[in-house]
Amino acid sequence: MKRILIIGNGGAGKTTLSLKLQAILGLDVIHLDQHYWKPYWTEPDKQEWTRIVGEFIEKESWIMDGNYGGTMDMRIEKADTIIYLNYPTIICLTRVIKRIVSNWGKVRYEMPEGCTERFDLNFILYVANYKNTRGKKIIEKLKHLKPEKKVLIFNNDKEAAEFLDNLKRL
């Protein structure tokens, strides 16, 4: 495992898992949110974002967390391991709400300067509808990947923890 892509709903724990993997494997972590957003929640243009991701995926090794459907295919193609956090919607929504409350008005460490935590109804709706929209498409996409790709789907924290425990033993 040299190029690991972690995807899943907001609040599923992509950032947390990426940092735990980094502690075990020693690979650099790329938090896509940190590179996508510009100060004050400004989005880059599509070509700029594709170029940025293109540079990241050419690195020899990485752990990359984040969704961003427009660059999903290029990241999946370069990854040797794809981890999909298929967590229940209620867990994700609860974690997102807790994150908003506990970080209100602050910039989380994995976000760029100027992106203070806020309540964003569109993001809440994205999380609430993720499994029935994007999630189904992602699972279908993962089913059709070449056999040399390692695809791991975790449905809860226990499955992710067991995976990490097994990695530590290697």
N, C-alpha and C. Protein backbone atom coordinates (compact mmCIF):
# COMPACT_ATOMS: atom_id res chain seq x y z
N MET A 1 0.84 -1.18 0.00
CA MET A 1 0.00 0.00 0.00
C MET A 1 0.88 1.24 0.00
N LYS A 2 0.91 1.88 -1.16
CA LYS A 2 1.71 3.10 -1.30
C LYS A 2 0.88 4.32 -1.68
N ARG A 3 -0.25 4.07 -2.33
CA ARG A 3 -1.14 5.16 -2.72
C ARG A 3 -2.55 4.77 -2.29
N ILE A 4 -2.98 5.38 -1.18
CA ILE A 4 -4.24 5.01 -0.55
C ILE A 4 -5.22 6.15 -0.67
N LEU A 5 -6.38 5.87 -1.23
CA LEU A 5 -7.44 6.85 -1.36
C LEU A 5 -8.55 6.51 -0.37
N ILE A 6 -8.93 7.49 0.44
CA ILE A 6 -10.01 7.30 1.41
C ILE A 6 -11.16 8.21 1.02
N ILE A 7 -12.32 7.58 0.76
CA ILE A 7 -13.50 8.33 0.34
C ILE A 7 -14.68 7.92 1.22
N GLY A 8 -15.71 8.73 1.21
CA GLY A 8 -16.91 8.44 1.99
C GLY A 8 -17.62 9.72 2.35
N ASN A 9 -18.74 9.59 2.98
CA ASN A 9 -19.58 10.71 3.34
C ASN A 9 -18.87 11.66 4.29
N GLY A 10 -19.31 12.91 4.30
CA GLY A 10 -18.84 13.84 5.31
C GLY A 10 -19.16 13.29 6.69
N GLY A 11 -18.23 13.40 7.61
CA GLY A 11 -18.46 12.91 8.96
C GLY A 11 -18.18 11.43 9.15
N ALA A 12 -17.82 10.72 8.08
CA ALA A 12 -17.55 9.28 8.22
C ALA A 12 -16.23 9.02 8.94
N GLY A 13 -15.30 9.94 8.82
CA GLY A 13 -14.02 9.76 9.50
C GLY A 13 -12.84 9.62 8.56
N LYS A 14 -12.92 10.19 7.38
CA LYS A 14 -11.83 10.09 6.40
C LYS A 14 -10.53 10.67 6.95
N THR A 15 -10.61 11.87 7.53
CA THR A 15 -9.41 12.53 8.05
C THR A 15 -8.83 11.74 9.21
N THR A 16 -9.68 11.29 10.10
CA THR A 16 -9.21 10.51 11.26
C THR A 16 -8.51 9.24 10.80
N LEU A 17 -9.12 8.52 9.87
CA LEU A 17 -8.52 7.29 9.37
C LEU A 17 -7.21 7.58 8.65
N SER A 18 -7.15 8.65 7.88
CA SER A 18 -5.91 8.95 7.17
C SER A 18 -4.76 9.21 8.13
N LEU A 19 -5.04 9.89 9.23
CA LEU A 19 -3.98 10.16 10.21
C LEU A 19 -3.55 8.89 10.95
N LYS A 20 -4.50 8.00 11.21
CA LYS A 20 -4.14 6.72 11.85
C LYS A 20 -3.31 5.87 10.90
N LEU A 21 -3.65 5.87 9.63
CA LEU A 21 -2.84 5.14 8.64
C LEU A 21 -1.45 5.75 8.53
N GLN A 22 -1.37 7.05 8.56
CA GLN A 22 -0.08 7.72 8.49
C GLN A 22 0.82 7.29 9.65
N ALA A 23 0.25 7.20 10.85
CA ALA A 23 1.03 6.80 12.02
C ALA A 23 1.58 5.39 11.87
N ILE A 24 0.87 4.53 11.17
CA ILE A 24 1.30 3.15 10.98
C ILE A 24 2.25 3.01 9.80
N LEU A 25 1.91 3.65 8.68
CA LEU A 25 2.65 3.44 7.44
C LEU A 25 3.71 4.50 7.15
N GLY A 26 3.60 5.65 7.78
CA GLY A 26 4.58 6.71 7.57
C GLY A 26 4.45 7.43 6.24
N LEU A 27 3.32 7.29 5.57
CA LEU A 27 3.13 7.96 4.28
C LEU A 27 2.60 9.38 4.49
N ASP A 28 2.89 10.25 3.54
CA ASP A 28 2.35 11.61 3.61
C ASP A 28 0.84 11.59 3.42
N VAL A 29 0.17 12.48 4.14
CA VAL A 29 -1.28 12.61 4.02
C VAL A 29 -1.60 13.88 3.23
N ILE A 30 -2.52 13.72 2.30
CA ILE A 30 -3.03 14.86 1.53
C ILE A 30 -4.52 14.98 1.84
N HIS A 31 -4.87 16.02 2.60
CA HIS A 31 -6.27 16.30 2.90
C HIS A 31 -6.78 17.18 1.75
N LEU A 32 -7.61 16.63 0.89
CA LEU A 32 -8.05 17.38 -0.28
C LEU A 32 -8.78 18.67 0.08
N ASP A 33 -9.53 18.67 1.17
CA ASP A 33 -10.22 19.89 1.58
C ASP A 33 -9.23 21.05 1.74
N GLN A 34 -8.08 20.74 2.27
CA GLN A 34 -7.06 21.75 2.54
C GLN A 34 -6.56 22.40 1.25
N HIS A 35 -6.60 21.67 0.18
CA HIS A 35 -6.07 22.17 -1.09
C HIS A 35 -7.17 22.66 -2.04
N TYR A 36 -8.38 22.19 -1.82
CA TYR A 36 -9.49 22.60 -2.68
C TYR A 36 -9.95 24.01 -2.33
N TRP A 37 -10.23 24.22 -1.07
CA TRP A 37 -10.80 25.49 -0.64
C TRP A 37 -9.73 26.57 -0.55
N LYS A 38 -10.10 27.74 -1.00
CA LYS A 38 -9.28 28.93 -0.82
C LYS A 38 -9.90 29.70 0.34
N PRO A 39 -9.19 30.72 0.85
CA PRO A 39 -9.75 31.46 1.99
C PRO A 39 -11.19 31.90 1.76
N TYR A 40 -11.95 31.83 2.85
CA TYR A 40 -13.35 32.27 2.89
C TYR A 40 -14.24 31.41 1.98
N TRP A 41 -13.90 30.12 1.92
CA TRP A 41 -14.71 29.13 1.24
C TRP A 41 -14.87 29.42 -0.26
N THR A 42 -13.81 29.92 -0.86
CA THR A 42 -13.82 30.17 -2.30
C THR A 42 -13.34 28.92 -3.02
N GLU A 43 -14.05 28.51 -4.06
CA GLU A 43 -13.70 27.31 -4.82
C GLU A 43 -12.76 27.66 -5.97
N PRO A 44 -11.84 26.75 -6.29
CA PRO A 44 -10.97 26.97 -7.45
C PRO A 44 -11.76 26.68 -8.74
N ASP A 45 -11.22 27.12 -9.87
CA ASP A 45 -11.88 26.73 -11.12
C ASP A 45 -11.50 25.28 -11.43
N LYS A 46 -12.29 24.67 -12.28
CA LYS A 46 -12.17 23.23 -12.55
C LYS A 46 -10.78 22.84 -13.07
N GLN A 47 -10.23 23.62 -14.00
CA GLN A 47 -8.91 23.29 -14.56
C GLN A 47 -7.82 23.39 -13.51
N GLU A 48 -7.90 24.41 -12.67
CA GLU A 48 -6.91 24.57 -11.61
C GLU A 48 -6.96 23.39 -10.65
N TRP A 49 -8.16 22.97 -10.26
CA TRP A 49 -8.31 21.86 -9.33
C TRP A 49 -7.80 20.56 -9.94
N THR A 50 -8.11 20.32 -11.19
CA THR A 50 -7.64 19.11 -11.87
C THR A 50 -6.11 19.09 -11.93
N ARG A 51 -5.51 20.25 -12.18
CA ARG A 51 -4.04 20.34 -12.21
C ARG A 51 -3.44 20.04 -10.83
N ILE A 52 -4.03 20.60 -9.80
CA ILE A 52 -3.54 20.39 -8.43
C ILE A 52 -3.59 18.89 -8.08
N VAL A 53 -4.74 18.27 -8.32
CA VAL A 53 -4.89 16.84 -8.02
C VAL A 53 -3.93 16.02 -8.88
N GLY A 54 -3.78 16.41 -10.14
CA GLY A 54 -2.86 15.71 -11.04
C GLY A 54 -1.43 15.69 -10.50
N GLU A 55 -1.01 16.77 -9.90
CA GLU A 55 0.34 16.83 -9.30
C GLU A 55 0.43 15.91 -8.09
N PHE A 56 -0.60 15.91 -7.26
CA PHE A 56 -0.59 15.06 -6.07
C PHE A 56 -0.53 13.58 -6.43
N ILE A 57 -1.33 13.15 -7.39
CA ILE A 57 -1.42 11.71 -7.68
C ILE A 57 -0.17 11.16 -8.34
N GLU A 58 0.69 12.03 -8.85
CA GLU A 58 1.94 11.57 -9.46
C GLU A 58 3.03 11.30 -8.43
N LYS A 59 2.81 11.70 -7.21
CA LYS A 59 3.81 11.42 -6.16
C LYS A 59 3.92 9.91 -5.97
N GLU A 60 5.07 9.49 -5.50
CA GLU A 60 5.35 8.06 -5.35
C GLU A 60 4.43 7.38 -4.34
N SER A 61 4.09 8.09 -3.28
CA SER A 61 3.24 7.49 -2.26
C SER A 61 2.41 8.58 -1.59
N TRP A 62 1.24 8.18 -1.10
CA TRP A 62 0.36 9.11 -0.41
C TRP A 62 -0.83 8.39 0.22
N ILE A 63 -1.41 9.10 1.18
CA ILE A 63 -2.72 8.77 1.71
C ILE A 63 -3.54 10.02 1.41
N MET A 64 -4.59 9.87 0.64
CA MET A 64 -5.38 11.02 0.21
C MET A 64 -6.81 10.85 0.70
N ASP A 65 -7.32 11.86 1.41
CA ASP A 65 -8.70 11.76 1.86
C ASP A 65 -9.55 12.88 1.27
N GLY A 66 -10.72 12.49 0.80
CA GLY A 66 -11.66 13.44 0.24
C GLY A 66 -12.39 12.88 -0.95
N ASN A 67 -13.52 13.45 -1.25
CA ASN A 67 -14.36 12.96 -2.33
C ASN A 67 -14.09 13.68 -3.64
N TYR A 68 -14.70 14.81 -3.87
CA TYR A 68 -14.51 15.61 -5.08
C TYR A 68 -14.66 14.77 -6.35
N GLY A 69 -15.91 14.52 -6.70
CA GLY A 69 -16.27 13.64 -7.81
C GLY A 69 -15.61 13.97 -9.14
N GLY A 70 -15.33 15.23 -9.40
CA GLY A 70 -14.73 15.62 -10.67
C GLY A 70 -13.34 15.06 -10.90
N THR A 71 -12.65 14.70 -9.82
CA THR A 71 -11.31 14.12 -9.95
C THR A 71 -11.25 12.70 -9.39
N MET A 72 -12.40 12.14 -9.07
CA MET A 72 -12.44 10.80 -8.46
C MET A 72 -11.80 9.74 -9.37
N ASP A 73 -12.14 9.73 -10.64
CA ASP A 73 -11.62 8.70 -11.54
C ASP A 73 -10.10 8.74 -11.65
N MET A 74 -9.53 9.92 -11.76
CA MET A 74 -8.07 10.01 -11.89
C MET A 74 -7.37 9.58 -10.60
N ARG A 75 -7.98 9.83 -9.47
CA ARG A 75 -7.39 9.40 -8.20
C ARG A 75 -7.51 7.89 -8.02
N ILE A 76 -8.67 7.34 -8.39
CA ILE A 76 -8.85 5.89 -8.29
C ILE A 76 -7.86 5.17 -9.20
N GLU A 77 -7.65 5.73 -10.37
CA GLU A 77 -6.73 5.09 -11.32
C GLU A 77 -5.31 5.00 -10.76
N LYS A 78 -4.87 6.02 -10.06
CA LYS A 78 -3.49 6.04 -9.52
C LYS A 78 -3.36 5.33 -8.17
N ALA A 79 -4.47 5.18 -7.46
CA ALA A 79 -4.41 4.54 -6.14
C ALA A 79 -4.22 3.04 -6.29
N ASP A 80 -3.48 2.44 -5.37
CA ASP A 80 -3.41 0.98 -5.33
C ASP A 80 -4.42 0.42 -4.33
N THR A 81 -4.84 1.28 -3.39
CA THR A 81 -5.82 0.88 -2.36
C THR A 81 -6.87 1.96 -2.25
N ILE A 82 -8.12 1.56 -2.30
CA ILE A 82 -9.23 2.49 -2.13
C ILE A 82 -10.03 2.02 -0.91
N ILE A 83 -10.17 2.92 0.04
CA ILE A 83 -10.96 2.64 1.24
C ILE A 83 -12.22 3.49 1.17
N TYR A 84 -13.35 2.82 1.19
CA TYR A 84 -14.63 3.53 1.16
C TYR A 84 -15.31 3.37 2.52
N LEU A 85 -15.57 4.49 3.18
CA LEU A 85 -16.25 4.48 4.46
C LEU A 85 -17.76 4.59 4.20
N ASN A 86 -18.41 3.46 4.28
CA ASN A 86 -19.84 3.32 3.96
C ASN A 86 -20.66 3.35 5.26
N TYR A 87 -20.48 4.40 6.02
CA TYR A 87 -21.09 4.48 7.34
C TYR A 87 -22.55 4.91 7.27
N PRO A 88 -23.33 4.56 8.29
CA PRO A 88 -24.74 4.97 8.32
C PRO A 88 -24.87 6.50 8.31
N THR A 89 -25.86 6.97 7.63
CA THR A 89 -26.09 8.41 7.50
C THR A 89 -26.23 9.08 8.86
N ILE A 90 -26.93 8.46 9.79
CA ILE A 90 -27.15 9.09 11.10
C ILE A 90 -25.83 9.30 11.83
N ILE A 91 -24.89 8.38 11.69
CA ILE A 91 -23.56 8.54 12.29
C ILE A 91 -22.86 9.75 11.67
N CYS A 92 -22.89 9.83 10.36
CA CYS A 92 -22.21 10.93 9.65
C CYS A 92 -22.83 12.27 10.01
N LEU A 93 -24.16 12.35 10.01
CA LEU A 93 -24.82 13.61 10.37
C LEU A 93 -24.50 14.02 11.80
N THR A 94 -24.53 13.06 12.72
CA THR A 94 -24.22 13.37 14.11
C THR A 94 -22.80 13.92 14.24
N ARG A 95 -21.86 13.28 13.57
CA ARG A 95 -20.46 13.74 13.65
C ARG A 95 -20.28 15.12 13.02
N VAL A 96 -20.96 15.37 11.92
CA VAL A 96 -20.86 16.68 11.27
C VAL A 96 -21.41 17.76 12.19
N ILE A 97 -22.56 17.51 12.81
CA ILE A 97 -23.15 18.49 13.72
C ILE A 97 -22.22 18.73 14.91
N LYS A 98 -21.68 17.65 15.49
CA LYS A 98 -20.73 17.80 16.61
C LYS A 98 -19.51 18.61 16.18
N ARG A 99 -19.02 18.34 14.98
CA ARG A 99 -17.85 19.06 14.46
C ARG A 99 -18.16 20.55 14.30
N ILE A 100 -19.34 20.86 13.79
CA ILE A 100 -19.72 22.26 13.63
C ILE A 100 -19.77 22.95 14.99
N VAL A 101 -20.43 22.32 15.95
CA VAL A 101 -20.59 22.92 17.27
C VAL A 101 -19.24 23.09 17.97
N SER A 102 -18.41 22.07 17.94
CA SER A 102 -17.15 22.14 18.68
C SER A 102 -16.10 23.03 18.01
N ASN A 103 -16.25 23.28 16.72
CA ASN A 103 -15.26 24.10 16.02
C ASN A 103 -15.83 25.43 15.51
N TRP A 104 -17.03 25.77 15.96
CA TRP A 104 -17.72 26.96 15.46
C TRP A 104 -16.80 28.19 15.47
N GLY A 105 -16.67 28.82 14.32
CA GLY A 105 -15.86 30.03 14.21
C GLY A 105 -14.36 29.81 14.18
N LYS A 106 -13.92 28.58 14.27
CA LYS A 106 -12.49 28.25 14.23
C LYS A 106 -12.17 27.60 12.89
N VAL A 107 -10.89 27.59 12.56
CA VAL A 107 -10.43 26.89 11.37
C VAL A 107 -9.85 25.55 11.82
N ARG A 108 -10.46 24.45 11.35
CA ARG A 108 -9.94 23.12 11.69
C ARG A 108 -8.55 22.95 11.07
N TYR A 109 -7.72 22.13 11.69
CA TYR A 109 -6.33 21.99 11.25
C TYR A 109 -6.20 21.50 9.82
N GLU A 110 -7.19 20.75 9.31
CA GLU A 110 -7.07 20.20 7.96
C GLU A 110 -7.68 21.13 6.90
N MET A 111 -8.08 22.32 7.33
CA MET A 111 -8.68 23.29 6.41
C MET A 111 -7.74 24.47 6.22
N PRO A 112 -7.87 25.15 5.08
CA PRO A 112 -7.01 26.32 4.85
C PRO A 112 -7.44 27.52 5.69
N GLU A 113 -6.51 28.44 5.88
CA GLU A 113 -6.78 29.66 6.63
C GLU A 113 -7.97 30.39 6.00
N GLY A 114 -8.81 30.94 6.85
CA GLY A 114 -9.95 31.70 6.37
C GLY A 114 -11.22 30.88 6.20
N CYS A 115 -11.13 29.56 6.33
CA CYS A 115 -12.31 28.71 6.21
C CYS A 115 -12.77 28.31 7.60
N THR A 116 -13.43 29.24 8.27
CA THR A 116 -13.90 28.97 9.63
C THR A 116 -15.11 28.05 9.58
N GLU A 117 -15.22 27.24 10.61
CA GLU A 117 -16.34 26.31 10.71
C GLU A 117 -17.64 27.10 10.76
N ARG A 118 -18.63 26.60 10.03
CA ARG A 118 -19.91 27.30 9.92
C ARG A 118 -21.02 26.28 9.70
N PHE A 119 -22.24 26.72 9.85
CA PHE A 119 -23.37 25.87 9.51
C PHE A 119 -23.70 26.12 8.05
N ASP A 120 -23.68 25.04 7.26
CA ASP A 120 -23.94 25.13 5.83
C ASP A 120 -25.05 24.12 5.51
N LEU A 121 -26.25 24.64 5.31
CA LEU A 121 -27.40 23.76 5.07
C LEU A 121 -27.17 22.87 3.85
N ASN A 122 -26.55 23.39 2.81
CA ASN A 122 -26.29 22.57 1.62
C ASN A 122 -25.39 21.39 1.95
N PHE A 123 -24.40 21.60 2.82
CA PHE A 123 -23.52 20.50 3.21
C PHE A 123 -24.28 19.47 4.05
N ILE A 124 -25.13 19.94 4.95
CA ILE A 124 -25.94 19.02 5.76
C ILE A 124 -26.82 18.17 4.86
N LEU A 125 -27.43 18.78 3.86
CA LEU A 125 -28.27 18.04 2.91
C LEU A 125 -27.43 17.07 2.08
N TYR A 126 -26.23 17.46 1.72
CA TYR A 126 -25.30 16.58 0.99
C TYR A 126 -25.03 15.32 1.82
N VAL A 127 -24.73 15.52 3.10
CA VAL A 127 -24.46 14.38 4.00
C VAL A 127 -25.71 13.52 4.15
N ALA A 128 -26.84 14.15 4.32
CA ALA A 128 -28.10 13.42 4.51
C ALA A 128 -28.47 12.57 3.30
N ASN A 129 -28.12 13.01 2.12
CA ASN A 129 -28.51 12.31 0.89
C ASN A 129 -27.39 11.50 0.25
N TYR A 130 -26.22 11.54 0.82
CA TYR A 130 -25.02 10.95 0.21
C TYR A 130 -25.19 9.47 -0.15
N LYS A 131 -25.65 8.66 0.79
CA LYS A 131 -25.74 7.21 0.54
C LYS A 131 -26.65 6.87 -0.63
N ASN A 132 -27.73 7.61 -0.76
CA ASN A 132 -28.69 7.32 -1.82
C ASN A 132 -28.32 7.94 -3.16
N THR A 133 -27.38 8.84 -3.16
CA THR A 133 -26.99 9.47 -4.42
C THR A 133 -25.56 9.05 -4.77
N ARG A 134 -24.61 9.75 -4.26
CA ARG A 134 -23.20 9.49 -4.58
C ARG A 134 -22.72 8.12 -4.10
N GLY A 135 -23.16 7.73 -2.92
CA GLY A 135 -22.69 6.47 -2.33
C GLY A 135 -22.99 5.27 -3.21
N LYS A 136 -24.19 5.20 -3.74
CA LYS A 136 -24.55 4.07 -4.60
C LYS A 136 -23.69 4.04 -5.86
N LYS A 137 -23.42 5.20 -6.43
CA LYS A 137 -22.60 5.28 -7.63
C LYS A 137 -21.16 4.86 -7.35
N ILE A 138 -20.66 5.27 -6.19
CA ILE A 138 -19.28 4.92 -5.83
C ILE A 138 -19.16 3.41 -5.63
N ILE A 139 -20.08 2.81 -4.92
CA ILE A 139 -20.03 1.36 -4.72
C ILE A 139 -20.07 0.63 -6.05
N GLU A 140 -20.90 1.08 -6.94
CA GLU A 140 -20.97 0.46 -8.27
C GLU A 140 -19.65 0.61 -9.02
N LYS A 141 -19.05 1.76 -8.93
CA LYS A 141 -17.76 2.01 -9.58
C LYS A 141 -16.68 1.10 -8.99
N LEU A 142 -16.68 0.94 -7.68
CA LEU A 142 -15.66 0.13 -7.02
C LEU A 142 -15.81 -1.35 -7.38
N LYS A 143 -17.02 -1.80 -7.63
CA LYS A 143 -17.26 -3.20 -8.02
C LYS A 143 -16.59 -3.55 -9.34
N HIS A 144 -16.39 -2.56 -10.18
CA HIS A 144 -15.90 -2.81 -11.54
C HIS A 144 -14.42 -2.46 -11.73
N LEU A 145 -13.70 -2.27 -10.63
CA LEU A 145 -12.27 -1.96 -10.75
C LEU A 145 -11.47 -3.22 -11.08
N LYS A 146 -10.30 -3.00 -11.64
CA LYS A 146 -9.41 -4.11 -11.99
C LYS A 146 -9.03 -4.86 -10.72
N PRO A 147 -8.80 -6.17 -10.83
CA PRO A 147 -8.50 -6.99 -9.64
C PRO A 147 -7.24 -6.57 -8.89
N GLU A 148 -6.31 -5.88 -9.55
CA GLU A 148 -5.08 -5.48 -8.84
C GLU A 148 -5.32 -4.32 -7.87
N LYS A 149 -6.48 -3.70 -7.95
CA LYS A 149 -6.82 -2.64 -7.00
C LYS A 149 -7.36 -3.29 -5.73
N LYS A 150 -6.84 -2.85 -4.60
CA LYS A 150 -7.34 -3.35 -3.33
C LYS A 150 -8.46 -2.41 -2.89
N VAL A 151 -9.67 -2.94 -2.78
CA VAL A 151 -10.82 -2.14 -2.38
C VAL A 151 -11.30 -2.64 -1.02
N LEU A 152 -11.37 -1.73 -0.08
CA LEU A 152 -11.84 -2.04 1.27
C LEU A 152 -13.06 -1.17 1.56
N ILE A 153 -14.13 -1.79 1.99
CA ILE A 153 -15.33 -1.06 2.35
C ILE A 153 -15.61 -1.32 3.82
N PHE A 154 -15.58 -0.24 4.60
CA PHE A 154 -15.85 -0.34 6.03
C PHE A 154 -17.22 0.27 6.30
N ASN A 155 -18.03 -0.45 7.06
CA ASN A 155 -19.39 0.00 7.37
C ASN A 155 -19.51 0.64 8.75
N ASN A 156 -18.42 0.57 9.53
CA ASN A 156 -18.45 1.16 10.87
C ASN A 156 -17.03 1.29 11.40
N ASP A 157 -16.90 1.95 12.54
CA ASP A 157 -15.58 2.18 13.14
C ASP A 157 -14.90 0.88 13.56
N LYS A 158 -15.68 -0.11 13.97
CA LYS A 158 -15.11 -1.38 14.40
C LYS A 158 -14.35 -2.05 13.25
N GLU A 159 -14.94 -2.06 12.08
CA GLU A 159 -14.26 -2.67 10.92
C GLU A 159 -12.98 -1.91 10.58
N ALA A 160 -13.03 -0.59 10.64
CA ALA A 160 -11.83 0.21 10.37
C ALA A 160 -10.75 -0.06 11.42
N ALA A 161 -11.15 -0.16 12.69
CA ALA A 161 -10.20 -0.42 13.78
C ALA A 161 -9.55 -1.80 13.63
N GLU A 162 -10.32 -2.79 13.23
CA GLU A 162 -9.76 -4.13 13.01
C GLU A 162 -8.74 -4.11 11.90
N PHE A 163 -9.02 -3.38 10.83
CA PHE A 163 -8.08 -3.23 9.73
C PHE A 163 -6.78 -2.59 10.22
N LEU A 164 -6.90 -1.52 11.00
CA LEU A 164 -5.71 -0.84 11.52
C LEU A 164 -4.92 -1.75 12.46
N ASP A 165 -5.60 -2.50 13.29
CA ASP A 165 -4.94 -3.43 14.20
C ASP A 165 -4.16 -4.49 13.42
N ASN A 166 -4.76 -5.01 12.35
CA ASN A 166 -4.07 -6.00 11.52
C ASN A 166 -2.85 -5.39 10.84
N LEU A 167 -2.94 -4.15 10.41
CA LEU A 167 -1.79 -3.48 9.78
C LEU A 167 -0.64 -3.34 10.77
N LYS A 168 -0.97 -2.99 12.01
CA LYS A 168 0.06 -2.82 13.04
C LYS A 168 0.83 -4.11 13.28
N ARG A 169 0.18 -5.24 13.08
CA ARG A 169 0.82 -6.54 13.33
C ARG A 169 1.75 -6.96 12.21
N LEU A 170 1.62 -6.33 11.05
CA LEU A 170 2.47 -6.74 9.91
C LEU A 170 3.89 -6.24 10.05
